[in-house]
Amino acid sequence: MKRQTLALLCGAIAAVMAPAAAQAAHTAHHAGTGDTDVRCLLFAMNMASSQDQGAKTVGMLGMTYYMGRIDGAGHTADLEQRMEAEIAAMKGQNVAPIAQACGETLQGRMRSIAATGDQLQKKLAPQGAATTDGAEADPGAHDPLKASIAC
């Protein structure tokens, strides 16, 4: 079940944020203006309000991730004003490249978290010990969570 859910999440990320990859990289690199984390937070908030469960879940993950980045940088005092400024700045723009860049960043972090968890599990699980699903731990076994996130 987890594997199917994560596969759907990866598919949702790819479907929602995949168009215009080259243009997204160019835009993100050359924009030089605006607040990327705030823009990504706005996109995630929009997705989280979707009626589509996959998009909603990806949106919630994105909100958590991008709000964590903003909070971790200590830039929350004027967040509402920054959000309003970004909304105004994005009006009339082709926002697909921005959404693509946000999705790629989130997807990359999800992969990194899964890889770190996999490595920790291999390092910390005693040989022959039971895993959380009751199966015997095998350091060389294929991890379905990691495979599901690796879109």
Foldseek 3Di string as FASTA:
>chain_A
DLLVLLLLLLVVLCVQQVPPQVVLVVCVVPVPDADLLLVQLVCLVVQLPDPDPSSVVNSVLSNVVSVCVCVVVVNDPCSVVSNVVVVVVCVPHPCSSSSNVSSVVSLVVQLVVVVVVLVCCLVPQDQQPADPVRHTDDNPDDDSSNVSSPD
